[in-house]
Amino acid sequence: MSRTAITPQEMRAKEQAAFDAGVSSLLLMETAARRAYEVLRGLLTPGETVLFLCGPGNNGGDGLAIARMWKLDGGDSRIVMPLPPRTPDAQTNLGYAQALGIPVQIGMEPVLPAGRVLVDALFGTGFGGAVAAEEPLGRLMAACAAGRKVILAVDVPSGMDALTGAVRGVCIPATHTVTFQWAKQGLLLTRQKDLVGELTVADIGLTGAQGLRYTQPQDLCLPRRSRSAHKGDCGRVVLHCGSEGMAGAAVMAARAALRAGSGLVTVVTPRTVLPVVQTAVPCAMARAAEDDPQVRCDARLFGCGMAETEENRQRLVCLHDESIPEVWDAGALNLLAAAPMVLGKKAVITPHAGEAARLLDWPLAQVLDDPLSAADALRQRYGCHVALKSATTVLASPDKVWGLNTVGSPALAKGGSGDALAGILVSLLGQGMPIEKALEQACLWHGLAGCLAGERYGIRGAMTDEVIDSLAMAERKYTEKDK
């Protein structure tokens, strides 16, 4: 089942709807605190000291309630509040904590207890500013985090923008983050994922959000294959890829397409590259691009390792066919950026941030800072589906941005990873999978293979061909048949 990521504004609207329906705000806070405490309890040893850094708002109220729960379970809770609570529910929970005799220090310069665990309940999802390191609050945040082995962030690490994931000043680095009901977009989009740590989405009883879909490993769902299937049933794909010095890109894309299940793969590449492709991928057919072959296919891929020449640009324009699924990657994207055209509803572009900046004529920093807007602009300009690749890949159809892929590994930070993804994607399209589903599943499958390759070969040493070979392992491990 797909998951949903929402904005802080959408979360506030859902909470308000619950209040309007008669749900007590204090009860909802208690429920959230209980779910967060369940995560915290699994990280603690009996009786140990836990420091709770609580802000003046309702995020701080959650932290105060969690401190009470740990105290009632026989633990040693210590509370630090830079400012007194300002919301009624936070004030109520402070009163409960004080009634139990939990030490509470209010102010910017408290005496901090020793201990390995911090609960960060300072800022919630409404935070969107910056705390400078030299400010008293910045110094307090750094002091509270210093030396702690376990840091549980409540809803979002303090200092991170829950909408965009931006960190503009001091941010408390979480080892674990528990957020409520739905993931907040910033937790998934942030370029500083190490600050989020292990993310848990806790159910607090709200319903009905319409946000961005994202997947988890168990969502891998690949086409079932008939026991009587033959190669003609399993998709014919053509890859217009490769050039002198970039033959490996064509090889990786072709190997990925075959590993992903294509029955027939044909690589169209410059004549000088043909021997490399036929030697490296003997299960694929190969033809010379100079012969301008017309190969019957169910889907095609343009661009992996393609030379960015005027001749190739003209070839792309001639070959482009809005009636069949197409994947545009790498060199084809740079040629498209130089001469933009609408690709149509069966095409998919798969740019990384640099390619997206060229396609949009935007500064690179703008794409990196706001990938959702970049993906939205790409789908509008080119009239096609989009996979804007990064540690979190943004997925869009011609009419909207709809999804995120968060599954992956630093093992994918290597040349050839994009070629592998393109090969997987064109293979699934050639096998008849609907385009949105193919986008979602290709990114997920690729990410899972990266995780498994990283585990086996190391996140530094894993090679792209080992990622491709790990597709089979990911299929066995995660598809429904093997659950």
Protein backbone atom coordinates (compact mmCIF):
# COMPACT_ATOMS: atom_id res chain seq x y z
CA MET A 1 0.00 0.00 0.00
CA SER A 2 1.35 3.42 -0.94
CA ARG A 3 2.06 5.97 1.77
CA THR A 4 1.24 9.68 1.81
CA ALA A 5 3.44 12.70 2.50
CA ILE A 6 1.73 15.99 3.30
CA THR A 7 2.60 19.61 4.02
CA PRO A 8 2.48 21.12 7.53
CA GLN A 9 -0.45 23.24 6.39
CA GLU A 10 -2.38 20.12 5.37
CA MET A 11 -1.59 18.54 8.74
CA ARG A 12 -2.95 21.55 10.60
CA ALA A 13 -6.12 21.39 8.52
CA LYS A 14 -6.62 17.71 9.38
CA GLU A 15 -6.10 18.40 13.07
CA GLN A 16 -8.57 21.28 12.95
CA ALA A 17 -11.12 19.06 11.21
CA ALA A 18 -10.76 16.56 14.06
CA PHE A 19 -11.26 19.32 16.64
CA ASP A 20 -14.32 20.59 14.77
CA ALA A 21 -15.71 17.05 14.86
CA GLY A 22 -15.44 17.03 18.66
CA VAL A 23 -12.02 15.47 19.27
CA SER A 24 -10.31 17.06 22.27
CA SER A 25 -7.00 18.73 21.42
CA LEU A 26 -5.58 17.48 24.71
CA LEU A 27 -6.65 13.93 23.84
CA LEU A 28 -5.00 14.18 20.42
CA MET A 29 -1.80 15.43 22.10
CA GLU A 30 -1.93 12.52 24.54
CA THR A 31 -2.37 10.05 21.68
CA ALA A 32 0.58 11.52 19.77
CA ALA A 33 2.73 11.49 22.90
CA ARG A 34 1.81 7.85 23.57
CA ARG A 35 2.79 6.82 20.04
CA ALA A 36 6.09 8.69 20.34
CA TYR A 37 6.70 7.17 23.76
CA GLU A 38 6.27 3.69 22.32
CA VAL A 39 9.16 4.43 19.97
CA LEU A 40 11.25 5.97 22.75
CA ARG A 41 10.62 3.09 25.15
CA GLY A 42 12.24 0.69 22.73
CA LEU A 43 15.43 2.76 22.82
CA LEU A 44 15.81 2.99 26.61
CA THR A 45 17.18 0.91 29.44
CA PRO A 46 15.16 0.76 32.68
CA GLY A 47 15.42 3.80 34.90
CA GLU A 48 17.90 5.77 32.84
CA THR A 49 18.01 9.56 32.65
CA VAL A 50 16.37 11.19 29.64
CA LEU A 51 16.63 14.90 28.86
CA PHE A 52 13.50 16.43 27.31
CA LEU A 53 14.03 19.70 25.41
CA CYS A 54 10.55 21.20 25.14
CA GLY A 55 9.45 24.31 23.30
CA PRO A 56 6.63 26.66 24.27
CA GLY A 57 4.11 25.33 21.74
CA ASN A 58 2.25 22.08 21.27
CA ASN A 59 5.37 20.25 20.13
CA GLY A 60 6.73 21.05 23.56
CA GLY A 61 3.46 19.82 25.02
CA ASP A 62 4.06 16.46 23.34
CA GLY A 63 7.51 16.34 24.91
CA LEU A 64 6.14 17.18 28.36
CA ALA A 65 3.61 14.36 28.08
CA ILE A 66 6.30 11.90 26.99
CA ALA A 67 8.44 12.94 29.97
CA ARG A 68 5.51 12.15 32.26
CA MET A 69 5.08 8.72 30.69
CA TRP A 70 8.75 7.86 31.22
CA LYS A 71 8.56 9.04 34.83
CA LEU A 72 5.50 6.87 35.46
CA ASP A 73 7.39 3.89 34.00
CA GLY A 74 10.12 4.34 36.60
CA GLY A 75 12.49 6.41 34.49
CA ASP A 76 14.39 9.59 35.33
CA SER A 77 12.94 12.48 33.29
CA ARG A 78 14.56 15.93 33.20
CA ILE A 79 12.89 18.82 31.35
CA VAL A 80 14.52 21.90 29.88
CA MET A 81 12.28 24.65 28.46
CA PRO A 82 13.89 27.74 26.91
CA LEU A 83 10.57 29.59 27.31
CA PRO A 84 7.43 28.97 29.39
CA PRO A 85 4.59 27.12 27.60
CA ARG A 86 2.18 29.38 25.76
CA THR A 87 -0.56 26.99 24.61
CA PRO A 88 -3.25 25.65 26.95
CA ASP A 89 -2.43 21.99 26.26
CA ALA A 90 1.30 22.51 26.83
CA GLN A 91 0.52 24.38 30.06
CA THR A 92 -1.66 21.49 31.23
CA ASN A 93 1.06 18.94 30.54
CA LEU A 94 3.65 21.07 32.31
CA GLY A 95 1.37 21.04 35.35
CA TYR A 96 1.11 17.25 35.20
CA ALA A 97 4.90 16.93 34.98
CA GLN A 98 5.48 19.25 37.91
CA ALA A 99 2.90 17.40 39.99
CA LEU A 100 4.96 14.23 39.54
CA GLY A 101 8.08 16.03 40.73
CA ILE A 102 9.89 16.01 37.38
CA PRO A 103 12.67 18.64 37.45
CA VAL A 104 11.88 21.50 35.08
CA GLN A 105 14.40 24.22 34.18
CA ILE A 106 13.06 27.22 32.29
CA GLY A 107 15.53 29.53 30.54
CA MET A 108 18.35 29.57 28.03
CA GLU A 109 21.21 28.65 30.38
CA PRO A 110 20.11 25.56 32.34
CA VAL A 111 22.36 23.02 33.99
CA LEU A 112 22.11 19.97 31.77
CA PRO A 113 22.12 16.45 33.19
CA ALA A 114 24.44 13.77 31.93
CA GLY A 115 22.93 10.92 29.95
CA ARG A 116 22.87 9.38 26.51
CA VAL A 117 19.27 10.16 25.47
CA LEU A 118 17.60 13.40 24.35
CA VAL A 119 13.99 13.89 23.29
CA ASP A 120 13.84 16.89 20.97
CA ALA A 121 10.41 18.53 21.27
CA LEU A 122 11.54 22.11 20.74
CA PHE A 123 10.12 23.08 17.33
CA GLY A 124 7.26 21.41 15.48
CA THR A 125 6.13 21.44 11.88
CA GLY A 126 5.37 25.17 11.96
CA PHE A 127 9.06 26.08 12.12
CA GLY A 128 10.38 27.72 8.97
CA GLY A 129 13.11 30.07 10.10
CA ALA A 130 16.70 29.76 11.27
CA VAL A 131 18.48 29.59 14.61
CA ALA A 132 22.01 31.00 14.46
CA ALA A 133 24.76 29.12 16.27
CA GLU A 134 25.78 32.21 18.20
CA GLU A 135 22.28 32.90 19.56
CA PRO A 136 21.49 31.72 23.11
CA LEU A 137 18.94 29.28 21.70
CA GLY A 138 21.45 27.96 19.19
CA ARG A 139 24.00 27.40 21.94
CA LEU A 140 21.36 25.63 24.05
CA MET A 141 20.39 23.33 21.17
CA ALA A 142 24.02 22.40 20.54
CA ALA A 143 24.65 21.80 24.25
CA CYS A 144 21.61 19.58 24.64
CA ALA A 145 22.62 17.43 21.65
CA ALA A 146 26.32 17.18 22.52
CA GLY A 147 27.38 13.67 23.44
CA ARG A 148 23.91 12.11 23.22
CA LYS A 149 23.90 8.65 21.65
CA VAL A 150 20.13 8.58 21.07
CA ILE A 151 18.16 11.65 19.96
CA LEU A 152 14.46 11.22 19.29
CA ALA A 153 12.88 14.10 17.36
CA VAL A 154 9.16 14.60 17.90
CA ASP A 155 7.49 15.25 14.51
CA VAL A 156 10.56 16.91 12.94
CA PRO A 157 14.18 17.59 13.98
CA SER A 158 14.28 21.09 15.49
CA GLY A 159 15.79 23.49 12.99
CA MET A 160 14.51 21.67 9.88
CA ASP A 161 11.72 23.10 7.72
CA ALA A 162 9.00 20.44 7.63
CA LEU A 163 7.74 21.72 4.26
CA THR A 164 10.98 21.77 2.25
CA GLY A 165 13.52 19.98 4.41
CA ALA A 166 15.77 23.04 4.35
CA VAL A 167 18.17 23.62 7.25
CA ARG A 168 19.19 27.26 7.48
CA GLY A 169 20.90 27.33 10.88
CA VAL A 170 21.40 25.04 13.86
CA CYS A 171 19.51 21.76 13.63
CA ILE A 172 19.46 19.05 16.29
CA PRO A 173 20.60 15.83 14.56
CA ALA A 174 18.13 13.02 15.29
CA THR A 175 19.01 9.35 15.37
CA HIS A 176 15.26 8.66 15.26
CA THR A 177 12.29 10.80 14.21
CA VAL A 178 8.67 9.96 14.97
CA THR A 179 6.13 11.94 12.99
CA PHE A 180 2.38 11.68 13.26
CA GLN A 181 -0.15 10.07 10.89
CA TRP A 182 1.55 11.13 7.66
CA ALA A 183 5.15 11.83 6.75
CA LYS A 184 5.83 15.54 6.35
CA GLN A 185 7.23 16.42 2.93
CA GLY A 186 10.37 18.02 4.30
CA LEU A 187 11.40 14.84 6.10
CA LEU A 188 11.51 13.05 2.74
CA LEU A 189 12.78 15.90 0.55
CA THR A 190 15.59 17.13 2.79
CA ARG A 191 19.08 17.06 1.36
CA GLN A 192 20.35 16.33 4.88
CA LYS A 193 18.74 12.95 5.51
CA ASP A 194 21.27 12.05 8.20
CA LEU A 195 19.61 14.68 10.42
CA VAL A 196 16.31 12.75 10.30
CA GLY A 197 17.73 9.35 11.26
CA GLU A 198 15.32 6.42 11.32
CA LEU A 199 11.83 7.68 10.48
CA THR A 200 8.67 6.26 12.07
CA VAL A 201 5.19 7.39 10.99
CA ALA A 202 2.84 6.86 13.94
CA ASP A 203 -0.93 6.44 13.61
CA ILE A 204 -2.90 8.91 15.77
CA GLY A 205 -6.32 8.26 14.27
CA LEU A 206 -6.64 10.99 11.62
CA THR A 207 -7.88 10.17 8.13
CA GLY A 208 -8.38 11.48 4.64
CA ALA A 209 -5.16 13.23 3.56
CA GLN A 210 -4.51 13.85 -0.13
CA GLY A 211 -0.78 14.31 -0.51
CA LEU A 212 2.18 12.86 -2.38
CA ARG A 213 2.37 9.09 -2.65
CA TYR A 214 5.58 7.39 -1.60
CA THR A 215 6.52 3.74 -1.41
CA GLN A 216 8.25 1.36 0.96
CA PRO A 217 10.17 -1.86 0.11
CA GLN A 218 7.11 -4.07 0.58
CA ASP A 219 5.31 -2.11 -2.17
CA LEU A 220 7.38 -3.74 -4.91
CA CYS A 221 4.85 -5.37 -7.23
CA LEU A 222 6.16 -6.69 -10.54
CA PRO A 223 4.19 -8.20 -13.43
CA ARG A 224 3.39 -11.86 -13.04
CA ARG A 225 4.58 -14.02 -15.90
CA SER A 226 2.62 -16.84 -17.47
CA ARG A 227 4.23 -20.28 -17.30
CA SER A 228 3.79 -20.47 -21.07
CA ALA A 229 5.34 -17.06 -21.82
CA HIS A 230 7.78 -16.68 -24.68
CA LYS A 231 10.13 -13.81 -25.53
CA GLY A 232 7.60 -12.10 -27.75
CA ASP A 233 5.17 -11.88 -24.85
CA CYS A 234 7.65 -10.12 -22.55
CA GLY A 235 8.23 -6.83 -24.28
CA ARG A 236 10.33 -5.65 -27.20
CA VAL A 237 12.42 -2.58 -26.36
CA VAL A 238 14.86 -0.56 -28.41
CA LEU A 239 17.65 1.47 -26.82
CA HIS A 240 19.16 4.32 -28.85
CA CYS A 241 22.23 4.67 -26.67
CA GLY A 242 26.00 4.81 -26.56
CA SER A 243 28.88 6.54 -28.32
CA GLU A 244 32.65 6.19 -28.46
CA GLY A 245 33.89 6.55 -24.90
CA MET A 246 30.37 6.01 -23.52
CA ALA A 247 29.69 2.45 -24.61
CA GLY A 248 29.29 1.44 -20.97
CA ALA A 249 26.10 3.51 -20.66
CA ALA A 250 24.46 1.50 -23.44
CA VAL A 251 25.71 -1.73 -21.87
CA MET A 252 24.32 -0.85 -18.44
CA ALA A 253 20.94 0.18 -19.83
CA ALA A 254 20.67 -2.99 -21.92
CA ARG A 255 21.70 -5.26 -19.05
CA ALA A 256 19.17 -3.58 -16.77
CA ALA A 257 16.39 -3.98 -19.33
CA LEU A 258 17.15 -7.68 -19.65
CA ARG A 259 17.39 -8.18 -15.88
CA ALA A 260 14.06 -6.37 -15.50
CA GLY A 261 12.40 -8.93 -17.76
CA SER A 262 12.40 -7.68 -21.35
CA GLY A 263 12.00 -10.50 -23.83
CA LEU A 264 13.83 -8.77 -26.69
CA VAL A 265 16.31 -5.91 -26.35
CA THR A 266 17.88 -4.17 -29.32
CA VAL A 267 20.62 -1.58 -28.88
CA VAL A 268 21.00 0.97 -31.67
CA THR A 269 24.45 2.49 -31.35
CA PRO A 270 27.27 3.87 -33.53
CA ARG A 271 28.92 1.21 -35.67
CA THR A 272 32.24 1.55 -33.79
CA VAL A 273 30.46 0.69 -30.54
CA LEU A 274 28.70 -2.43 -31.84
CA PRO A 275 31.50 -4.89 -30.91
CA VAL A 276 31.54 -3.63 -27.33
CA VAL A 277 27.79 -3.99 -26.90
CA GLN A 278 27.57 -7.41 -28.53
CA THR A 279 30.46 -8.70 -26.41
CA ALA A 280 29.26 -7.20 -23.12
CA VAL A 281 25.55 -7.98 -23.59
CA PRO A 282 25.31 -11.12 -25.71
CA CYS A 283 21.60 -11.54 -24.90
CA ALA A 284 20.80 -8.24 -26.65
CA MET A 285 20.72 -7.56 -30.36
CA ALA A 286 22.63 -4.57 -31.75
CA ARG A 287 22.36 -2.47 -34.88
CA ALA A 288 24.32 0.44 -36.25
CA ALA A 289 22.76 3.87 -35.78
CA GLU A 290 24.21 4.96 -39.13
CA ASP A 291 21.88 2.53 -40.87
CA ASP A 292 18.91 4.42 -39.34
CA PRO A 293 17.08 1.17 -38.57
CA GLN A 294 13.37 1.07 -37.89
CA VAL A 295 12.94 -1.61 -35.25
CA ARG A 296 9.49 -2.69 -34.12
CA CYS A 297 9.13 -2.20 -30.38
CA ASP A 298 6.75 -1.78 -27.47
CA ALA A 299 8.85 0.96 -25.85
CA ARG A 300 12.10 2.76 -26.56
CA LEU A 301 14.85 4.53 -24.67
CA PHE A 302 16.85 7.49 -25.93
CA GLY A 303 20.03 8.96 -24.62
CA CYS A 304 22.20 6.84 -22.29
CA GLY A 305 25.73 7.67 -23.44
CA MET A 306 24.42 9.38 -26.59
CA ALA A 307 26.72 11.97 -28.17
CA GLU A 308 25.19 15.45 -28.10
CA THR A 309 25.50 16.21 -31.82
CA GLU A 310 23.18 17.93 -34.24
CA GLU A 311 22.93 14.70 -36.20
CA ASN A 312 21.63 12.89 -33.12
CA ARG A 313 19.21 15.72 -32.34
CA GLN A 314 17.70 15.40 -35.78
CA ARG A 315 17.53 11.63 -35.39
CA LEU A 316 15.64 12.04 -32.11
CA VAL A 317 13.12 14.35 -33.75
CA CYS A 318 12.56 11.86 -36.56
CA LEU A 319 12.31 8.81 -34.29
CA HIS A 320 10.11 10.41 -31.64
CA ASP A 321 6.69 8.76 -31.70
CA GLU A 322 3.91 9.87 -29.37
CA SER A 323 2.05 6.60 -29.88
CA ILE A 324 4.46 4.40 -27.90
CA PRO A 325 6.12 4.83 -24.47
CA GLU A 326 9.50 6.55 -24.59
CA VAL A 327 12.17 7.22 -21.96
CA TRP A 328 14.45 10.22 -22.47
CA ASP A 329 17.65 10.27 -20.43
CA ALA A 330 21.17 11.70 -20.32
CA GLY A 331 22.39 12.91 -23.74
CA ALA A 332 18.87 13.00 -25.13
CA LEU A 333 17.86 15.38 -22.33
CA ASN A 334 20.69 17.76 -23.09
CA LEU A 335 19.70 17.75 -26.75
CA LEU A 336 16.11 18.39 -25.71
CA ALA A 337 17.23 21.30 -23.52
CA ALA A 338 18.95 22.88 -26.50
CA ALA A 339 15.80 22.59 -28.64
CA PRO A 340 12.73 22.09 -26.40
CA MET A 341 9.62 20.39 -27.69
CA VAL A 342 6.49 18.85 -26.19
CA LEU A 343 7.02 15.09 -25.93
CA GLY A 344 3.50 13.93 -25.18
CA LYS A 345 1.73 11.85 -22.60
CA LYS A 346 3.53 8.58 -23.29
CA ALA A 347 7.01 9.99 -22.81
CA VAL A 348 9.05 10.03 -19.60
CA ILE A 349 12.07 12.22 -18.90
CA THR A 350 14.49 11.15 -16.16
CA PRO A 351 16.79 14.11 -15.38
CA HIS A 352 19.06 14.56 -12.40
CA ALA A 353 19.20 18.05 -10.91
CA GLY A 354 21.84 19.34 -13.32
CA GLU A 355 19.94 18.13 -16.37
CA ALA A 356 16.71 19.55 -14.95
CA ALA A 357 18.38 22.95 -14.53
CA ARG A 358 19.35 22.90 -18.20
CA LEU A 359 15.90 21.73 -19.31
CA LEU A 360 14.29 24.59 -17.38
CA ASP A 361 17.05 27.19 -17.77
CA TRP A 362 17.04 27.53 -13.97
CA PRO A 363 19.99 27.93 -11.62
CA LEU A 364 21.02 24.56 -10.21
CA ALA A 365 20.44 25.81 -6.64
CA GLN A 366 16.79 26.54 -7.48
CA VAL A 367 16.22 22.95 -8.59
CA LEU A 368 17.98 21.57 -5.53
CA ASP A 369 16.10 23.83 -3.13
CA ASP A 370 12.64 23.19 -4.59
CA PRO A 371 12.49 19.90 -6.51
CA LEU A 372 8.70 19.78 -6.34
CA SER A 373 8.39 23.04 -8.24
CA ALA A 374 11.10 21.90 -10.66
CA ALA A 375 9.26 18.66 -11.43
CA ASP A 376 6.03 20.61 -11.86
CA ALA A 377 7.69 23.02 -14.29
CA LEU A 378 9.24 20.13 -16.25
CA ARG A 379 5.97 18.28 -16.74
CA GLN A 380 4.29 21.50 -17.90
CA ARG A 381 7.06 22.54 -20.29
CA TYR A 382 7.52 19.14 -21.93
CA GLY A 383 3.99 17.75 -21.55
CA CYS A 384 5.25 14.40 -20.28
CA HIS A 385 5.93 12.25 -17.23
CA VAL A 386 8.92 13.14 -15.06
CA ALA A 387 11.26 11.37 -12.67
CA LEU A 388 13.46 14.10 -11.18
CA LYS A 389 16.25 11.97 -9.73
CA SER A 390 17.92 12.53 -6.39
CA ALA A 391 18.20 10.78 -3.03
CA THR A 392 14.44 11.39 -3.03
CA THR A 393 13.11 11.20 -6.59
CA VAL A 394 10.09 13.34 -7.46
CA LEU A 395 7.54 11.75 -9.80
CA ALA A 396 5.09 13.64 -11.99
CA SER A 397 2.58 12.94 -14.74
CA PRO A 398 1.63 15.45 -17.45
CA ASP A 399 -1.10 16.87 -15.20
CA LYS A 400 0.39 16.86 -11.68
CA VAL A 401 3.24 16.03 -9.33
CA TRP A 402 2.08 12.91 -7.51
CA GLY A 403 4.82 10.89 -5.90
CA LEU A 404 8.19 10.46 -4.23
CA ASN A 405 10.64 7.59 -4.18
CA THR A 406 12.62 7.56 -0.95
CA VAL A 407 14.12 4.07 -1.21
CA GLY A 408 17.77 4.01 -2.18
CA SER A 409 21.35 3.88 -0.99
CA PRO A 410 24.57 5.87 -1.26
CA ALA A 411 25.77 2.83 -3.22
CA LEU A 412 23.90 4.36 -6.18
CA ALA A 413 26.14 7.45 -6.14
CA LYS A 414 28.17 6.22 -9.08
CA GLY A 415 28.25 6.64 -12.83
CA GLY A 416 25.87 4.27 -14.58
CA SER A 417 23.11 4.32 -11.96
CA GLY A 418 20.89 6.50 -14.13
CA ASP A 419 21.48 4.20 -17.12
CA ALA A 420 20.37 1.23 -15.01
CA LEU A 421 17.20 3.04 -13.91
CA ALA A 422 16.40 3.99 -17.50
CA GLY A 423 16.83 0.37 -18.59
CA ILE A 424 14.53 -0.89 -15.83
CA LEU A 425 11.92 1.72 -16.69
CA VAL A 426 11.84 1.06 -20.43
CA SER A 427 11.65 -2.66 -19.70
CA LEU A 428 8.57 -2.30 -17.48
CA LEU A 429 6.95 -0.01 -20.05
CA GLY A 430 7.68 -2.54 -22.77
CA GLN A 431 6.05 -5.24 -20.67
CA GLY A 432 2.85 -3.19 -20.69
CA MET A 433 2.88 -1.67 -17.23
CA PRO A 434 0.96 1.66 -17.07
CA ILE A 435 3.32 4.63 -17.11
CA GLU A 436 2.74 5.95 -13.56
CA LYS A 437 3.00 2.44 -12.14
CA ALA A 438 6.14 1.75 -14.16
CA LEU A 439 7.73 4.97 -12.88
CA GLU A 440 6.95 4.10 -9.28
CA GLN A 441 8.06 0.49 -9.55
CA ALA A 442 11.23 1.17 -11.56
CA CYS A 443 12.47 3.72 -9.04
CA LEU A 444 11.61 1.47 -6.12
CA TRP A 445 13.15 -1.66 -7.64
CA HIS A 446 16.30 0.25 -8.58
CA GLY A 447 16.54 1.68 -5.06
CA LEU A 448 16.10 -1.72 -3.44
CA ALA A 449 18.77 -3.23 -5.69
CA GLY A 450 21.07 -0.38 -4.65
CA CYS A 451 20.44 -1.15 -0.98
CA LEU A 452 21.17 -4.84 -1.45
CA ALA A 453 24.29 -4.18 -3.53
CA GLY A 454 25.49 -1.78 -0.86
CA GLU A 455 25.01 -4.40 1.83
CA ARG A 456 26.90 -7.01 -0.17
CA TYR A 457 29.68 -4.99 -1.77
CA GLY A 458 29.80 -1.86 0.40
CA ILE A 459 28.28 1.53 -0.29
CA ARG A 460 31.59 2.77 -1.69
CA GLY A 461 32.57 -0.30 -3.69
CA ALA A 462 29.30 -1.46 -5.23
CA MET A 463 29.44 -1.17 -9.02
CA THR A 464 26.47 -0.48 -11.24
CA ASP A 465 26.61 -3.93 -12.81
CA GLU A 466 26.37 -5.36 -9.28
CA VAL A 467 23.32 -3.17 -8.65
CA ILE A 468 21.77 -4.58 -11.84
CA ASP A 469 22.55 -8.13 -10.76
CA SER A 470 20.90 -7.35 -7.40
CA LEU A 471 17.55 -6.73 -9.12
CA ALA A 472 16.90 -10.47 -8.99
CA MET A 473 17.63 -10.58 -5.27
CA ALA A 474 15.28 -7.64 -4.65
CA GLU A 475 12.54 -9.34 -6.64
CA ARG A 476 12.88 -12.54 -4.63
CA LYS A 477 13.03 -10.71 -1.30
CA TYR A 478 10.21 -8.20 -1.73
CA THR A 479 7.60 -9.37 -4.22
CA GLU A 480 4.32 -10.70 -2.93
CA LYS A 481 5.01 -14.25 -4.05
CA ASP A 482 7.84 -14.56 -1.55
CA LYS A 483 6.20 -12.83 1.42
